[in-house]
N, C-alpha and C. Protein backbone atom coordinates (compact mmCIF):
# COMPACT_ATOMS: atom_id res chain seq x y z
N MET A 1 93.16 -47.19 -45.04
CA MET A 1 93.22 -48.49 -45.00
C MET A 1 91.40 -48.44 -45.04
N LYS A 2 91.31 -49.02 -46.42
CA LYS A 2 89.39 -49.73 -46.51
C LYS A 2 88.80 -50.36 -45.68
N SER A 3 88.02 -50.45 -45.72
CA SER A 3 87.38 -51.87 -44.74
C SER A 3 87.36 -53.17 -45.28
N LYS A 4 87.42 -53.33 -46.90
CA LYS A 4 87.70 -54.40 -47.04
C LYS A 4 89.66 -55.21 -46.95
N GLN A 5 89.87 -53.89 -47.33
CA GLN A 5 90.98 -54.37 -46.90
C GLN A 5 91.66 -54.49 -45.74
N LEU A 6 91.18 -54.16 -44.28
CA LEU A 6 91.06 -53.91 -43.74
C LEU A 6 90.94 -55.68 -42.74
N ALA A 7 89.42 -55.71 -43.08
CA ALA A 7 88.66 -57.11 -43.13
C ALA A 7 89.97 -58.70 -43.94
N ASN A 8 90.51 -58.04 -44.82
CA ASN A 8 91.28 -59.29 -45.18
C ASN A 8 92.70 -59.38 -44.13
N VAL A 9 92.79 -57.94 -44.01
CA VAL A 9 94.12 -58.19 -42.96
C VAL A 9 93.92 -58.84 -41.76
N LEU A 10 92.40 -58.89 -41.17
CA LEU A 10 92.64 -59.65 -40.19
C LEU A 10 91.86 -60.82 -40.21
N ILE A 11 91.61 -61.16 -41.26
CA ILE A 11 91.54 -63.03 -41.69
C ILE A 11 92.64 -63.33 -41.58
N LYS A 12 93.57 -62.60 -42.46
CA LYS A 12 95.30 -63.38 -42.25
C LYS A 12 95.90 -63.44 -41.39
N ILE A 13 95.73 -62.48 -40.26
CA ILE A 13 95.60 -62.71 -38.99
C ILE A 13 95.30 -63.75 -38.35
N VAL A 14 93.64 -63.78 -37.77
CA VAL A 14 93.07 -64.95 -37.68
C VAL A 14 93.74 -66.50 -38.63
N GLY A 15 93.63 -66.65 -38.84
CA GLY A 15 94.61 -67.92 -39.82
C GLY A 15 95.92 -67.98 -39.42
N LEU A 16 97.07 -67.01 -39.39
CA LEU A 16 98.03 -67.34 -38.66
C LEU A 16 98.08 -67.32 -36.94
N TYR A 17 97.17 -66.81 -36.48
CA TYR A 17 96.69 -67.53 -34.88
C TYR A 17 96.43 -69.11 -34.90
N VAL A 18 95.61 -69.11 -35.69
CA VAL A 18 95.09 -70.80 -35.97
C VAL A 18 96.20 -71.97 -36.53
N CYS A 19 97.14 -70.87 -37.45
CA CYS A 19 98.15 -72.07 -37.22
C CYS A 19 98.77 -72.35 -36.08
N LEU A 20 98.97 -71.38 -35.11
CA LEU A 20 99.88 -71.25 -34.14
C LEU A 20 99.41 -72.12 -33.05
N CYS A 21 97.75 -72.29 -33.17
CA CYS A 21 97.39 -73.01 -32.11
C CYS A 21 97.42 -74.44 -32.19
N ALA A 22 97.52 -74.57 -33.70
CA ALA A 22 97.95 -76.17 -34.06
C ALA A 22 99.14 -76.82 -33.66
N ILE A 23 99.71 -75.93 -33.39
CA ILE A 23 101.81 -76.49 -33.10
C ILE A 23 101.06 -77.45 -32.19
N PRO A 24 101.37 -77.10 -31.35
CA PRO A 24 101.07 -78.27 -29.77
C PRO A 24 100.71 -79.34 -30.11
N GLY A 25 99.16 -78.84 -30.34
CA GLY A 25 98.41 -80.40 -31.08
C GLY A 25 99.80 -81.63 -32.34
N LEU A 26 100.09 -80.46 -33.39
CA LEU A 26 100.51 -81.54 -33.88
C LEU A 26 102.09 -81.28 -33.58
N VAL A 27 102.84 -81.32 -32.50
CA VAL A 27 103.67 -82.15 -32.00
C VAL A 27 103.01 -82.74 -31.00
N ALA A 28 102.16 -83.31 -30.87
CA ALA A 28 101.73 -84.16 -30.00
C ALA A 28 101.81 -85.20 -30.71
N GLY A 29 101.56 -85.21 -31.82
CA GLY A 29 100.68 -86.26 -32.87
C GLY A 29 101.91 -86.43 -33.50
N ILE A 30 102.90 -85.96 -33.47
CA ILE A 30 103.93 -86.86 -33.94
C ILE A 30 104.51 -87.70 -33.22
N ILE A 31 105.10 -86.63 -31.54
CA ILE A 31 105.50 -88.14 -30.32
C ILE A 31 104.61 -89.16 -30.33
N ALA A 32 103.32 -88.96 -30.22
CA ALA A 32 102.29 -90.30 -30.56
C ALA A 32 102.87 -91.45 -31.78
N ALA A 33 103.15 -90.44 -32.46
CA ALA A 33 103.64 -91.96 -33.99
C ALA A 33 104.36 -92.39 -33.69
N VAL A 34 105.70 -91.52 -33.04
CA VAL A 34 106.97 -92.35 -32.78
C VAL A 34 106.47 -93.19 -31.98
N LEU A 35 106.50 -92.96 -31.19
CA LEU A 35 106.01 -93.86 -29.32
C LEU A 35 105.50 -95.13 -29.89
N TRP A 36 104.27 -94.91 -30.24
CA TRP A 36 103.36 -95.64 -31.22
C TRP A 36 104.45 -96.52 -32.50
N ALA A 37 105.47 -95.92 -33.27
CA ALA A 37 105.96 -96.77 -33.86
C ALA A 37 106.84 -97.69 -33.44
N SER A 38 107.22 -97.33 -32.21
CA SER A 38 108.63 -97.78 -31.23
C SER A 38 108.09 -99.14 -30.32
N GLU A 39 106.92 -98.88 -29.85
CA GLU A 39 106.15 -100.03 -29.15
C GLU A 39 105.34 -100.50 -29.46
N ARG A 40 104.29 -99.92 -30.20
CA ARG A 40 103.28 -100.96 -30.55
C ARG A 40 102.43 -101.50 -29.07
N PRO A 41 101.56 -100.32 -28.49
CA PRO A 41 101.03 -100.45 -27.43
C PRO A 41 99.71 -100.75 -27.71
N GLN A 42 98.97 -102.09 -26.71
CA GLN A 42 97.96 -102.76 -27.47
C GLN A 42 96.69 -102.00 -26.62
N GLY A 43 95.83 -101.61 -27.16
CA GLY A 43 94.93 -101.18 -26.63
C GLY A 43 95.45 -99.65 -25.59
N ASN A 44 95.57 -98.84 -25.80
CA ASN A 44 96.64 -98.17 -25.11
C ASN A 44 95.20 -96.42 -25.53
N ASP A 45 94.57 -95.93 -24.94
CA ASP A 45 92.95 -95.20 -25.00
C ASP A 45 94.80 -94.06 -24.88
N ALA A 46 95.95 -93.70 -24.21
CA ALA A 46 96.31 -92.54 -23.92
C ALA A 46 97.24 -92.34 -25.52
N VAL A 47 96.79 -92.84 -26.11
CA VAL A 47 97.83 -93.28 -27.57
C VAL A 47 97.22 -92.75 -28.43
N ALA A 48 96.18 -93.30 -28.80
CA ALA A 48 94.51 -93.02 -29.10
C ALA A 48 94.13 -91.70 -29.04
N TYR A 49 93.82 -91.36 -27.95
CA TYR A 49 93.34 -90.21 -27.54
C TYR A 49 94.80 -88.77 -28.79
N THR A 50 95.78 -88.90 -28.25
CA THR A 50 96.86 -88.20 -28.70
C THR A 50 96.93 -88.18 -30.11
N TRP A 51 96.19 -89.49 -30.58
CA TRP A 51 96.56 -89.45 -32.06
C TRP A 51 95.33 -88.12 -33.03
N ALA A 52 94.20 -89.00 -31.88
CA ALA A 52 93.48 -87.87 -32.50
C ALA A 52 93.68 -86.61 -32.74
N GLU A 53 94.12 -86.10 -31.84
CA GLU A 53 94.62 -84.67 -31.14
C GLU A 53 95.53 -83.95 -32.27
N GLY A 54 96.70 -85.34 -32.93
CA GLY A 54 97.75 -84.72 -33.77
C GLY A 54 96.45 -84.37 -35.32
N VAL A 55 95.61 -85.53 -35.21
CA VAL A 55 94.52 -85.41 -36.67
C VAL A 55 94.38 -84.03 -36.45
N GLY A 56 93.02 -83.85 -35.06
CA GLY A 56 92.54 -82.64 -35.55
C GLY A 56 93.80 -80.91 -35.41
N ALA A 57 94.91 -81.35 -35.10
CA ALA A 57 95.92 -80.33 -35.60
C ALA A 57 96.10 -80.08 -36.78
N ILE A 58 96.31 -81.23 -37.70
CA ILE A 58 96.46 -81.16 -38.94
C ILE A 58 95.15 -80.57 -39.19
N ILE A 59 93.95 -80.73 -39.09
CA ILE A 59 92.59 -80.19 -39.70
C ILE A 59 92.59 -78.81 -39.71
N GLN A 60 93.26 -78.14 -38.28
CA GLN A 60 92.93 -76.92 -37.93
C GLN A 60 94.49 -76.39 -38.26
N LEU A 61 95.17 -77.04 -38.77
CA LEU A 61 96.40 -76.14 -39.48
C LEU A 61 96.01 -75.80 -41.14
N ALA A 62 95.04 -76.46 -41.59
CA ALA A 62 94.37 -76.82 -42.85
C ALA A 62 93.82 -75.41 -43.06
N ILE A 63 92.96 -75.43 -42.24
CA ILE A 63 92.31 -73.70 -41.77
C ILE A 63 92.59 -72.99 -41.27
N GLY A 64 94.23 -72.77 -41.04
CA GLY A 64 94.83 -71.84 -40.85
C GLY A 64 95.23 -71.57 -41.85
N ILE A 65 96.16 -72.10 -42.51
CA ILE A 65 96.12 -72.19 -43.83
C ILE A 65 95.60 -71.07 -45.14
N ILE A 66 94.63 -71.84 -44.97
CA ILE A 66 93.04 -71.39 -46.50
C ILE A 66 92.48 -69.69 -46.01
N LEU A 67 92.86 -69.88 -44.53
CA LEU A 67 92.32 -68.69 -44.41
C LEU A 67 93.48 -67.33 -44.32
N VAL A 68 95.10 -67.87 -44.35
CA VAL A 68 96.28 -66.89 -44.23
C VAL A 68 95.99 -67.20 -46.35
N VAL A 69 95.79 -68.04 -46.91
CA VAL A 69 95.63 -67.96 -48.53
C VAL A 69 93.91 -67.23 -48.82
């Protein structure tokens, strides 16, 4: 295998790993969205933090997909 092919394979593996690491934050963001929609808490910092975690996971997932493609 040539070095360029090996580099492409390694970049795709890194992209898959980044996508895999984004899954817990994405699930937390979805759960926060469901809780927020059902209860509508006023000024709850934990829900705001979980929303931020979910948005960060979406960005991380997008970066991973870009690396894979």
